[in-house]
């Protein structure tokens, strides 16, 4: 029988992962901005089609991570720790890139967004996600620090984290598509919104980096 302490630790790690995933999904980036612009230009269904494609692409990254890093964990603890440290440094680099970037949220491209069929939009989102090497690197940096069990198979744990990430992203990106009109008006009426999300990204990236530095395997 599992101890109460073990269950509490598992729940805390998974809740922390879920909250962090939500904050990352909310932070303006190419993916959710594309969802927003397509929804504004062509309607909610077009935005949802993009969302489904983007989320589906995460299956590929999760699979690569699960089977690749799991082998590293089995074979070499030091190498796995090196991956986590490299991931933490990469997240610090991402925080720096956000810091020096423009905080303005630009949705004006919605006026020039070309209309595509729902199937084509799905595959556009899927391709955007799968062929973006930065997503693979981010998964490699983000997921290992949230492994939540010493007894459960590592591949299973990565798939659990991947599924949670996909569900959170589906909910957040789907909400962006549904609320696209309100979001666009709000960002235009409140220019400081970009500053808020910029600093939120920086805090989240640095927070995950610190967590990776201090966490055990």
Foldseek 3Di string as FASTA:
>chain_A
DDDPVLVVQLVVLLVVLLVLLLLVLPQDDPQLLVLLLLCVQPHLLLSLLLLLLQLVLLVVLLQCCLVVVLVVVVPDQVVLLVLQLVLLVVLLVVLVVLVPDDLFDDNVCSVVDDDDDSNVSSNVNNCVNNVDVVNSSNLSNQPPLSQRDPPDRSSVSSVVSSVSSSVSSSVNSSVCSVCSVVVVVVCVVPVCVSVVSSVSSSCSSNVSSVSSVPGHD
